């Protein structure tokens, strides 16, 4: 399933002034998205080793088949939401594939906010833009996201946005010291788009 590209740009000022939220397929943003991803996932308690070759392909998949929504402040990326057809998620539990039409499901694979922009409403506004501007243009019934069970800030954000816990899996991750296991929760939200 190829997702349509939303060409519109909307400015949301309810909690963040001077920030632009836009959908894009412009590959000029790939280097900045890779830096943001590394900042968000290669540090702290959940620090993961990022395999650069596979990582570049992973990010490029969103530009080919997915949807990218950016939060921009002064032309710099403050946050990003990367969504893709559910078929790209290789870990999706059988419970979900047995009970949902995955052709009409979208997977928010990444929602990232730069450290200096956290706790300012960027993540909430990325989710709102995603729902208001993107989903009304494509036929999607269900949206899923997977998050580490120890990431309480993200869980609180998704619950506030109407996502419900559905299923938990164990996911092996690579780190500088070897591998470790994280419990990841699939969260779900029903959406009916035009």
N, C-alpha and C. Protein backbone atom coordinates (compact mmCIF):
# COMPACT_ATOMS: atom_id res chain seq x y z
N UNK A 1 0.85 -1.17 0.00
CA UNK A 1 0.00 0.00 0.00
C UNK A 1 0.90 1.23 0.00
N UNK A 2 0.71 2.11 -0.94
CA UNK A 2 1.47 3.35 -1.03
C UNK A 2 0.64 4.46 -0.40
N UNK A 3 1.20 5.20 0.51
CA UNK A 3 0.47 6.28 1.16
C UNK A 3 0.61 7.55 0.37
N UNK A 4 -0.46 8.33 0.32
CA UNK A 4 -0.41 9.59 -0.41
C UNK A 4 0.45 10.59 0.32
N UNK A 5 1.03 11.50 -0.42
CA UNK A 5 1.88 12.53 0.18
C UNK A 5 1.04 13.76 0.45
N UNK A 6 1.01 14.17 1.69
CA UNK A 6 0.27 15.37 2.07
C UNK A 6 1.16 16.56 1.78
N UNK A 7 0.75 17.44 0.89
CA UNK A 7 1.58 18.57 0.50
C UNK A 7 1.34 19.79 1.38
N UNK A 8 0.30 19.76 2.19
CA UNK A 8 -0.03 20.91 3.00
C UNK A 8 0.88 21.07 4.20
N UNK A 9 0.97 22.27 4.64
CA UNK A 9 1.73 22.59 5.84
C UNK A 9 0.77 23.28 6.78
N UNK A 10 0.74 22.86 8.03
CA UNK A 10 -0.11 23.56 8.98
C UNK A 10 0.74 24.03 10.14
N UNK A 11 0.40 25.18 10.62
CA UNK A 11 1.10 25.75 11.76
C UNK A 11 0.19 25.59 12.96
N UNK A 12 0.71 24.97 14.01
CA UNK A 12 -0.06 24.74 15.23
C UNK A 12 0.55 25.61 16.31
N UNK A 13 -0.25 26.48 16.90
CA UNK A 13 0.31 27.41 17.87
C UNK A 13 -0.33 27.28 19.25
N UNK A 14 -1.11 26.21 19.48
CA UNK A 14 -1.78 26.10 20.77
C UNK A 14 -0.82 25.96 21.94
N UNK A 15 0.34 25.36 21.77
CA UNK A 15 1.29 25.26 22.87
C UNK A 15 2.73 25.51 22.41
N UNK A 16 2.94 25.60 21.14
CA UNK A 16 4.29 25.75 20.62
C UNK A 16 4.26 26.87 19.58
N UNK A 17 4.90 27.96 19.89
CA UNK A 17 4.93 29.06 18.94
C UNK A 17 6.06 28.87 17.95
N UNK A 18 5.85 29.35 16.76
CA UNK A 18 6.87 29.34 15.70
C UNK A 18 7.32 27.95 15.26
N UNK A 19 6.50 26.94 15.47
CA UNK A 19 6.86 25.60 15.02
C UNK A 19 5.92 25.21 13.89
N UNK A 20 6.48 24.66 12.83
CA UNK A 20 5.70 24.22 11.68
C UNK A 20 5.66 22.71 11.67
N UNK A 21 4.47 22.14 11.45
CA UNK A 21 4.31 20.70 11.33
C UNK A 21 3.96 20.42 9.88
N UNK A 22 4.75 19.57 9.22
CA UNK A 22 4.48 19.30 7.82
C UNK A 22 4.75 17.84 7.47
N UNK A 23 3.97 17.37 6.50
CA UNK A 23 4.21 16.05 5.92
C UNK A 23 5.18 16.25 4.77
N UNK A 24 6.07 15.28 4.58
CA UNK A 24 7.08 15.44 3.54
C UNK A 24 7.52 14.09 3.00
N UNK A 25 8.07 14.12 1.81
CA UNK A 25 8.80 12.99 1.22
C UNK A 25 10.14 13.49 0.69
N UNK A 26 10.53 14.66 1.11
CA UNK A 26 11.77 15.27 0.65
C UNK A 26 12.95 14.60 1.35
N UNK A 27 13.75 13.87 0.58
CA UNK A 27 14.85 13.09 1.14
C UNK A 27 15.98 13.95 1.71
N UNK A 28 15.92 15.26 1.51
CA UNK A 28 16.96 16.11 2.11
C UNK A 28 16.93 16.05 3.63
N UNK A 29 15.81 15.57 4.20
CA UNK A 29 15.67 15.48 5.65
C UNK A 29 16.27 14.20 6.23
N UNK A 30 16.68 13.26 5.39
CA UNK A 30 17.20 11.98 5.89
C UNK A 30 18.35 12.16 6.87
N UNK A 31 19.39 12.94 6.57
CA UNK A 31 20.49 13.07 7.54
C UNK A 31 20.03 13.60 8.90
N UNK A 32 19.14 14.59 8.90
CA UNK A 32 18.66 15.15 10.17
C UNK A 32 17.79 14.15 10.93
N UNK A 33 16.99 13.35 10.22
CA UNK A 33 16.18 12.32 10.87
C UNK A 33 17.08 11.26 11.49
N UNK A 34 18.15 10.90 10.80
CA UNK A 34 19.09 9.91 11.34
C UNK A 34 19.76 10.44 12.61
N UNK A 35 20.11 11.71 12.63
CA UNK A 35 20.71 12.31 13.83
C UNK A 35 19.70 12.30 14.98
N UNK A 36 18.45 12.68 14.70
CA UNK A 36 17.41 12.68 15.73
C UNK A 36 17.18 11.27 16.26
N UNK A 37 17.10 10.29 15.38
CA UNK A 37 16.90 8.90 15.79
C UNK A 37 18.03 8.45 16.72
N UNK A 38 19.26 8.76 16.34
CA UNK A 38 20.41 8.38 17.16
C UNK A 38 20.35 9.05 18.53
N UNK A 39 19.97 10.32 18.55
CA UNK A 39 19.84 11.03 19.83
C UNK A 39 18.79 10.37 20.72
N UNK A 40 17.69 9.94 20.11
CA UNK A 40 16.58 9.38 20.89
C UNK A 40 16.81 7.93 21.33
N UNK A 41 17.50 7.14 20.53
CA UNK A 41 17.55 5.70 20.79
C UNK A 41 18.94 5.12 21.06
N UNK A 42 19.98 5.92 20.96
CA UNK A 42 21.32 5.37 21.21
C UNK A 42 21.89 5.86 22.54
N UNK A 43 21.06 6.45 23.36
CA UNK A 43 21.50 6.98 24.66
C UNK A 43 20.53 6.57 25.76
N UNK A 44 20.96 6.70 26.99
CA UNK A 44 20.09 6.46 28.13
C UNK A 44 19.87 5.00 28.44
N UNK A 45 18.80 4.72 29.20
CA UNK A 45 18.51 3.36 29.65
C UNK A 45 18.22 2.39 28.52
N UNK A 46 17.70 2.90 27.42
CA UNK A 46 17.35 2.02 26.30
C UNK A 46 18.35 2.12 25.16
N UNK A 47 19.59 2.50 25.48
CA UNK A 47 20.61 2.71 24.44
C UNK A 47 20.78 1.46 23.59
N UNK A 48 20.65 1.65 22.28
CA UNK A 48 20.75 0.57 21.33
C UNK A 48 21.88 0.84 20.35
N UNK A 49 22.47 -0.24 19.88
CA UNK A 49 23.47 -0.12 18.82
C UNK A 49 22.73 0.03 17.50
N UNK A 50 23.14 1.00 16.70
CA UNK A 50 22.47 1.26 15.43
C UNK A 50 23.38 0.81 14.30
N UNK A 51 22.95 -0.21 13.56
CA UNK A 51 23.69 -0.73 12.41
C UNK A 51 23.46 0.23 11.24
N UNK A 52 24.47 0.98 10.84
CA UNK A 52 24.31 2.08 9.90
C UNK A 52 23.77 1.67 8.54
N UNK A 53 24.23 0.57 7.97
CA UNK A 53 23.77 0.18 6.64
C UNK A 53 22.27 -0.14 6.65
N UNK A 54 21.85 -0.98 7.55
CA UNK A 54 20.44 -1.31 7.65
C UNK A 54 19.61 -0.13 8.10
N UNK A 55 20.19 0.73 8.91
CA UNK A 55 19.50 1.91 9.42
C UNK A 55 19.15 2.88 8.29
N UNK A 56 20.08 3.10 7.38
CA UNK A 56 19.81 3.98 6.23
C UNK A 56 18.66 3.43 5.40
N UNK A 57 18.66 2.13 5.17
CA UNK A 57 17.57 1.50 4.40
C UNK A 57 16.25 1.65 5.16
N UNK A 58 16.28 1.45 6.46
CA UNK A 58 15.09 1.57 7.31
C UNK A 58 14.47 2.97 7.17
N UNK A 59 15.27 4.01 7.29
CA UNK A 59 14.76 5.37 7.19
C UNK A 59 14.24 5.64 5.78
N UNK A 60 14.96 5.16 4.78
CA UNK A 60 14.55 5.40 3.39
C UNK A 60 13.21 4.74 3.08
N UNK A 61 12.89 3.60 3.72
CA UNK A 61 11.59 2.93 3.51
C UNK A 61 10.42 3.88 3.78
N UNK A 62 10.56 4.76 4.74
CA UNK A 62 9.47 5.69 5.05
C UNK A 62 9.26 6.69 3.92
N UNK A 63 10.34 7.07 3.26
CA UNK A 63 10.22 8.01 2.14
C UNK A 63 9.64 7.32 0.91
N UNK A 64 9.87 6.03 0.76
CA UNK A 64 9.33 5.28 -0.37
C UNK A 64 7.89 4.86 -0.16
N UNK A 65 7.56 4.35 1.03
CA UNK A 65 6.26 3.70 1.24
C UNK A 65 5.48 4.23 2.43
N UNK A 66 6.04 5.12 3.18
CA UNK A 66 5.39 5.56 4.40
C UNK A 66 5.02 7.02 4.39
N UNK A 67 4.95 7.55 5.58
CA UNK A 67 4.59 8.95 5.78
C UNK A 67 5.51 9.54 6.83
N UNK A 68 6.04 10.70 6.55
CA UNK A 68 6.93 11.40 7.47
C UNK A 68 6.28 12.73 7.83
N UNK A 69 6.15 12.99 9.11
CA UNK A 69 5.66 14.28 9.57
C UNK A 69 6.75 14.88 10.45
N UNK A 70 7.11 16.10 10.13
CA UNK A 70 8.18 16.77 10.85
C UNK A 70 7.65 17.96 11.64
N UNK A 71 8.26 18.18 12.79
CA UNK A 71 8.06 19.42 13.54
C UNK A 71 9.33 20.23 13.30
N UNK A 72 9.18 21.39 12.68
CA UNK A 72 10.34 22.22 12.32
C UNK A 72 10.30 23.53 13.07
N UNK A 73 11.45 23.89 13.60
CA UNK A 73 11.61 25.19 14.23
C UNK A 73 12.85 25.83 13.63
N UNK A 74 12.66 26.97 12.98
CA UNK A 74 13.77 27.65 12.30
C UNK A 74 14.50 26.69 11.35
N UNK A 75 13.73 25.90 10.60
CA UNK A 75 14.24 24.96 9.59
C UNK A 75 15.02 23.79 10.18
N UNK A 76 15.00 23.63 11.49
CA UNK A 76 15.64 22.48 12.12
C UNK A 76 14.56 21.53 12.65
N UNK A 77 14.86 20.23 12.60
CA UNK A 77 13.88 19.23 13.05
C UNK A 77 13.84 19.18 14.57
N UNK A 78 12.66 19.48 15.12
CA UNK A 78 12.44 19.38 16.56
C UNK A 78 11.84 18.03 16.92
N UNK A 79 11.16 17.41 15.96
CA UNK A 79 10.54 16.11 16.18
C UNK A 79 10.11 15.50 14.86
N UNK A 80 9.84 14.20 14.89
CA UNK A 80 9.42 13.50 13.67
C UNK A 80 8.53 12.32 14.04
N UNK A 81 7.54 12.09 13.20
CA UNK A 81 6.68 10.91 13.29
C UNK A 81 6.84 10.16 11.98
N UNK A 82 7.21 8.88 12.07
CA UNK A 82 7.40 8.04 10.89
C UNK A 82 6.38 6.91 10.93
N UNK A 83 5.50 6.88 9.94
CA UNK A 83 4.48 5.84 9.87
C UNK A 83 4.63 5.08 8.56
N UNK A 84 4.16 3.84 8.59
CA UNK A 84 4.36 2.96 7.44
C UNK A 84 3.26 1.89 7.46
N UNK A 85 2.95 1.28 6.32
CA UNK A 85 1.97 0.17 6.36
C UNK A 85 2.40 -0.90 7.35
N UNK A 86 1.43 -1.51 7.99
CA UNK A 86 1.70 -2.48 9.05
C UNK A 86 2.51 -3.67 8.56
N UNK A 87 2.47 -3.95 7.27
CA UNK A 87 3.20 -5.10 6.72
C UNK A 87 4.72 -4.96 6.91
N UNK A 88 5.22 -3.74 7.17
CA UNK A 88 6.64 -3.54 7.39
C UNK A 88 7.09 -3.98 8.78
N UNK A 89 6.16 -4.14 9.71
CA UNK A 89 6.51 -4.55 11.07
C UNK A 89 6.69 -6.06 11.10
N UNK A 90 7.92 -6.50 11.23
CA UNK A 90 8.23 -7.93 11.21
C UNK A 90 7.94 -8.63 12.54
N UNK A 91 7.62 -7.88 13.58
CA UNK A 91 7.38 -8.46 14.89
C UNK A 91 5.90 -8.51 15.27
N UNK A 92 5.03 -8.09 14.38
CA UNK A 92 3.61 -8.00 14.73
C UNK A 92 3.09 -9.35 15.21
N UNK A 93 2.45 -9.37 16.38
CA UNK A 93 1.95 -10.64 16.93
C UNK A 93 0.80 -11.22 16.10
N UNK A 94 0.73 -12.54 16.10
CA UNK A 94 -0.33 -13.24 15.38
C UNK A 94 -1.72 -12.80 15.86
N UNK A 95 -1.85 -12.48 17.13
CA UNK A 95 -3.13 -12.01 17.66
C UNK A 95 -3.65 -10.82 16.86
N UNK A 96 -2.75 -9.91 16.48
CA UNK A 96 -3.16 -8.73 15.74
C UNK A 96 -3.48 -9.09 14.29
N UNK A 97 -2.63 -9.90 13.64
CA UNK A 97 -2.89 -10.26 12.25
C UNK A 97 -4.16 -11.10 12.11
N UNK A 98 -4.50 -11.85 13.14
CA UNK A 98 -5.73 -12.66 13.11
C UNK A 98 -6.99 -11.83 13.33
N UNK A 99 -6.87 -10.66 13.96
CA UNK A 99 -8.06 -9.90 14.34
C UNK A 99 -8.21 -8.55 13.65
N UNK A 100 -7.26 -8.18 12.79
CA UNK A 100 -7.33 -6.89 12.10
C UNK A 100 -6.99 -7.07 10.63
N UNK A 101 -7.59 -6.26 9.80
CA UNK A 101 -7.25 -6.21 8.38
C UNK A 101 -6.00 -5.36 8.26
N UNK A 102 -4.84 -6.00 8.25
CA UNK A 102 -3.58 -5.26 8.28
C UNK A 102 -3.38 -4.40 7.03
N UNK A 103 -4.11 -4.67 5.96
CA UNK A 103 -4.04 -3.81 4.77
C UNK A 103 -4.62 -2.43 5.06
N UNK A 104 -5.45 -2.33 6.09
CA UNK A 104 -6.06 -1.05 6.45
C UNK A 104 -5.54 -0.55 7.80
N UNK A 105 -4.34 -1.02 8.16
CA UNK A 105 -3.69 -0.59 9.39
C UNK A 105 -2.43 0.19 9.06
N UNK A 106 -2.16 1.15 9.89
CA UNK A 106 -0.93 1.91 9.75
C UNK A 106 -0.14 1.76 11.04
N UNK A 107 1.16 1.70 10.91
CA UNK A 107 2.05 1.49 12.04
C UNK A 107 2.90 2.74 12.24
N UNK A 108 2.76 3.40 13.38
CA UNK A 108 3.63 4.51 13.72
C UNK A 108 4.89 3.86 14.29
N UNK A 109 5.90 3.78 13.45
CA UNK A 109 7.12 3.07 13.84
C UNK A 109 8.00 3.91 14.74
N UNK A 110 7.99 5.22 14.54
CA UNK A 110 8.85 6.10 15.32
C UNK A 110 8.14 7.42 15.60
N UNK A 111 8.20 7.85 16.84
CA UNK A 111 7.79 9.20 17.21
C UNK A 111 8.93 9.73 18.08
N UNK A 112 9.65 10.72 17.55
CA UNK A 112 10.89 11.17 18.19
C UNK A 112 10.83 12.68 18.40
N UNK A 113 11.32 13.12 19.54
CA UNK A 113 11.40 14.55 19.84
C UNK A 113 12.80 14.85 20.33
N UNK A 114 13.42 15.87 19.75
CA UNK A 114 14.76 16.28 20.17
C UNK A 114 14.74 16.65 21.65
N UNK A 115 15.80 16.32 22.34
CA UNK A 115 15.84 16.50 23.80
C UNK A 115 15.48 17.93 24.23
N UNK A 116 15.98 18.92 23.53
CA UNK A 116 15.72 20.31 23.94
C UNK A 116 14.28 20.74 23.70
N UNK A 117 13.49 19.92 22.98
CA UNK A 117 12.09 20.25 22.70
C UNK A 117 11.11 19.37 23.47
N UNK A 118 11.61 18.52 24.34
CA UNK A 118 10.71 17.62 25.09
C UNK A 118 9.92 18.39 26.14
N UNK A 119 8.75 17.85 26.47
CA UNK A 119 7.84 18.42 27.47
C UNK A 119 7.31 19.79 27.04
N UNK A 120 7.22 19.99 25.72
CA UNK A 120 6.66 21.23 25.17
C UNK A 120 5.42 20.97 24.32
N UNK A 121 5.01 19.71 24.20
CA UNK A 121 3.83 19.38 23.40
C UNK A 121 4.13 19.00 21.96
N UNK A 122 5.40 18.80 21.63
CA UNK A 122 5.76 18.46 20.25
C UNK A 122 5.17 17.10 19.86
N UNK A 123 5.35 16.08 20.70
CA UNK A 123 4.82 14.75 20.40
C UNK A 123 3.32 14.76 20.23
N UNK A 124 2.62 15.45 21.11
CA UNK A 124 1.16 15.55 21.03
C UNK A 124 0.75 16.21 19.72
N UNK A 125 1.43 17.27 19.34
CA UNK A 125 1.09 17.96 18.10
C UNK A 125 1.43 17.14 16.86
N UNK A 126 2.50 16.35 16.92
CA UNK A 126 2.80 15.44 15.81
C UNK A 126 1.67 14.43 15.63
N UNK A 127 1.20 13.85 16.73
CA UNK A 127 0.08 12.90 16.65
C UNK A 127 -1.19 13.57 16.13
N UNK A 128 -1.48 14.77 16.60
CA UNK A 128 -2.67 15.49 16.13
C UNK A 128 -2.58 15.80 14.64
N UNK A 129 -1.43 16.24 14.20
CA UNK A 129 -1.25 16.52 12.77
C UNK A 129 -1.41 15.24 11.96
N UNK A 130 -0.84 14.17 12.45
CA UNK A 130 -0.95 12.88 11.79
C UNK A 130 -2.42 12.50 11.59
N UNK A 131 -3.20 12.60 12.64
CA UNK A 131 -4.60 12.23 12.54
C UNK A 131 -5.41 13.19 11.68
N UNK A 132 -5.24 14.48 11.88
CA UNK A 132 -6.06 15.48 11.19
C UNK A 132 -5.71 15.64 9.72
N UNK A 133 -4.44 15.66 9.41
CA UNK A 133 -4.03 15.99 8.06
C UNK A 133 -3.73 14.79 7.17
N UNK A 134 -3.25 13.72 7.73
CA UNK A 134 -2.84 12.58 6.92
C UNK A 134 -3.92 11.52 6.82
N UNK A 135 -4.47 11.10 7.94
CA UNK A 135 -5.40 9.97 7.91
C UNK A 135 -6.68 10.26 7.16
N UNK A 136 -7.09 11.50 7.08
CA UNK A 136 -8.31 11.80 6.34
C UNK A 136 -8.11 11.65 4.84
N UNK A 137 -6.86 11.52 4.39
CA UNK A 137 -6.58 11.40 2.96
C UNK A 137 -6.39 9.96 2.49
N UNK A 138 -6.25 9.03 3.40
CA UNK A 138 -6.03 7.64 3.02
C UNK A 138 -6.98 6.74 3.79
N UNK A 139 -7.22 5.57 3.26
CA UNK A 139 -8.16 4.66 3.88
C UNK A 139 -7.47 3.82 4.95
N UNK A 140 -7.59 4.29 6.17
CA UNK A 140 -6.99 3.60 7.32
C UNK A 140 -8.07 3.41 8.38
N UNK A 141 -8.14 2.21 8.94
CA UNK A 141 -9.10 1.94 9.99
C UNK A 141 -8.46 1.88 11.37
N UNK A 142 -7.23 1.38 11.42
CA UNK A 142 -6.58 1.14 12.70
C UNK A 142 -5.14 1.62 12.66
N UNK A 143 -4.69 2.17 13.78
CA UNK A 143 -3.31 2.63 13.90
C UNK A 143 -2.69 1.95 15.11
N UNK A 144 -1.46 1.48 14.94
CA UNK A 144 -0.73 0.82 16.01
C UNK A 144 0.60 1.55 16.25
N UNK A 145 1.07 1.42 17.45
CA UNK A 145 2.40 1.90 17.81
C UNK A 145 2.96 0.93 18.84
N UNK A 146 4.27 0.76 18.85
CA UNK A 146 4.91 -0.16 19.80
C UNK A 146 5.88 0.65 20.64
N UNK A 147 5.82 0.48 21.96
CA UNK A 147 6.66 1.30 22.85
C UNK A 147 7.19 0.45 24.00
N UNK A 148 8.38 0.79 24.44
CA UNK A 148 9.02 0.12 25.58
C UNK A 148 8.16 0.34 26.82
N UNK A 149 7.91 -0.71 27.57
CA UNK A 149 7.03 -0.61 28.74
C UNK A 149 7.59 0.28 29.85
N UNK A 150 8.88 0.59 29.81
CA UNK A 150 9.48 1.47 30.81
C UNK A 150 9.47 2.94 30.39
N UNK A 151 9.03 3.22 29.18
CA UNK A 151 8.99 4.59 28.68
C UNK A 151 7.65 5.22 29.08
N UNK A 152 7.56 5.59 30.34
CA UNK A 152 6.28 6.09 30.88
C UNK A 152 5.85 7.40 30.22
N UNK A 153 6.79 8.25 29.84
CA UNK A 153 6.42 9.51 29.19
C UNK A 153 5.71 9.23 27.87
N UNK A 154 6.26 8.30 27.08
CA UNK A 154 5.63 7.95 25.80
C UNK A 154 4.28 7.27 26.03
N UNK A 155 4.23 6.34 26.98
CA UNK A 155 2.97 5.66 27.26
C UNK A 155 1.89 6.66 27.68
N UNK A 156 2.24 7.62 28.52
CA UNK A 156 1.28 8.64 28.94
C UNK A 156 0.79 9.46 27.75
N UNK A 157 1.70 9.82 26.85
CA UNK A 157 1.34 10.58 25.65
C UNK A 157 0.35 9.79 24.80
N UNK A 158 0.65 8.52 24.54
CA UNK A 158 -0.21 7.71 23.68
C UNK A 158 -1.56 7.44 24.33
N UNK A 159 -1.58 7.19 25.62
CA UNK A 159 -2.86 6.99 26.32
C UNK A 159 -3.70 8.26 26.26
N UNK A 160 -3.07 9.41 26.47
CA UNK A 160 -3.78 10.69 26.39
C UNK A 160 -4.35 10.92 24.99
N UNK A 161 -3.66 10.42 23.97
CA UNK A 161 -4.11 10.57 22.58
C UNK A 161 -5.17 9.53 22.20
N UNK A 162 -5.54 8.65 23.14
CA UNK A 162 -6.61 7.69 22.87
C UNK A 162 -6.15 6.30 22.49
N UNK A 163 -4.86 6.01 22.56
CA UNK A 163 -4.37 4.68 22.26
C UNK A 163 -4.59 3.77 23.47
N UNK A 164 -4.90 2.53 23.20
CA UNK A 164 -5.14 1.53 24.24
C UNK A 164 -4.11 0.41 24.14
N UNK A 165 -3.65 -0.09 25.30
CA UNK A 165 -2.72 -1.21 25.31
C UNK A 165 -3.40 -2.43 24.72
N UNK A 166 -2.66 -3.18 23.88
CA UNK A 166 -3.25 -4.35 23.25
C UNK A 166 -2.47 -5.62 23.52
N UNK A 167 -1.16 -5.59 23.36
CA UNK A 167 -0.37 -6.82 23.39
C UNK A 167 1.07 -6.47 23.75
N UNK A 168 1.75 -7.35 24.48
CA UNK A 168 3.14 -7.11 24.84
C UNK A 168 4.02 -8.21 24.24
N UNK A 169 5.16 -7.80 23.70
CA UNK A 169 6.13 -8.75 23.16
C UNK A 169 7.48 -8.50 23.81
N UNK A 170 8.37 -9.47 23.71
CA UNK A 170 9.76 -9.29 24.08
C UNK A 170 10.54 -9.02 22.80
N UNK A 171 11.38 -8.00 22.84
CA UNK A 171 12.17 -7.65 21.66
C UNK A 171 13.65 -7.61 22.04
N UNK A 172 14.48 -8.32 21.29
CA UNK A 172 15.93 -8.32 21.52
C UNK A 172 16.52 -7.11 20.82
N UNK A 173 17.39 -6.42 21.53
CA UNK A 173 18.08 -5.25 20.99
C UNK A 173 19.58 -5.44 21.14
N UNK A 174 20.33 -4.83 20.26
CA UNK A 174 21.79 -4.85 20.35
C UNK A 174 22.26 -3.60 21.09
N UNK A 175 23.29 -3.78 21.90
CA UNK A 175 23.91 -2.64 22.58
C UNK A 175 25.41 -2.78 22.43
N UNK A 176 26.14 -1.80 22.91
CA UNK A 176 27.61 -1.86 22.84
C UNK A 176 28.14 -3.04 23.64
N UNK A 177 27.37 -3.48 24.66
CA UNK A 177 27.80 -4.57 25.53
C UNK A 177 27.25 -5.93 25.14
N UNK A 178 26.50 -6.03 24.06
CA UNK A 178 25.90 -7.30 23.66
C UNK A 178 24.45 -7.10 23.29
N UNK A 179 23.59 -7.95 23.84
CA UNK A 179 22.16 -7.82 23.56
C UNK A 179 21.39 -7.74 24.87
N UNK A 180 20.19 -7.19 24.79
CA UNK A 180 19.31 -7.12 25.93
C UNK A 180 17.88 -7.24 25.43
N UNK A 181 16.98 -7.54 26.35
CA UNK A 181 15.57 -7.73 26.00
C UNK A 181 14.75 -6.58 26.56
N UNK A 182 13.83 -6.09 25.74
CA UNK A 182 12.90 -5.05 26.16
C UNK A 182 11.49 -5.60 25.99
N UNK A 183 10.61 -5.30 26.95
CA UNK A 183 9.20 -5.60 26.76
C UNK A 183 8.58 -4.41 26.04
N UNK A 184 7.96 -4.70 24.90
CA UNK A 184 7.35 -3.65 24.09
C UNK A 184 5.84 -3.86 24.07
N UNK A 185 5.11 -2.79 24.27
CA UNK A 185 3.65 -2.83 24.27
C UNK A 185 3.14 -2.32 22.94
N UNK A 186 2.29 -3.10 22.29
CA UNK A 186 1.56 -2.60 21.13
C UNK A 186 0.35 -1.84 21.65
N UNK A 187 0.20 -0.61 21.18
CA UNK A 187 -0.96 0.20 21.50
C UNK A 187 -1.76 0.40 20.22
N UNK A 188 -3.05 0.61 20.37
CA UNK A 188 -3.96 0.58 19.23
C UNK A 188 -4.97 1.71 19.34
N UNK A 189 -5.33 2.27 18.19
CA UNK A 189 -6.39 3.27 18.14
C UNK A 189 -7.21 3.06 16.88
N UNK A 190 -8.52 3.09 17.03
CA UNK A 190 -9.44 2.94 15.90
C UNK A 190 -9.62 4.29 15.25
N UNK A 191 -9.41 4.37 13.95
CA UNK A 191 -9.61 5.60 13.21
C UNK A 191 -10.38 5.28 11.93
N UNK A 192 -11.32 6.08 11.61
CA UNK A 192 -12.03 5.94 10.34
C UNK A 192 -11.73 7.19 9.54
N UNK A 193 -11.06 7.02 8.42
CA UNK A 193 -10.74 8.16 7.58
C UNK A 193 -11.65 8.20 6.36
N UNK A 194 -11.63 9.33 5.68
CA UNK A 194 -12.50 9.52 4.51
C UNK A 194 -12.04 8.67 3.36
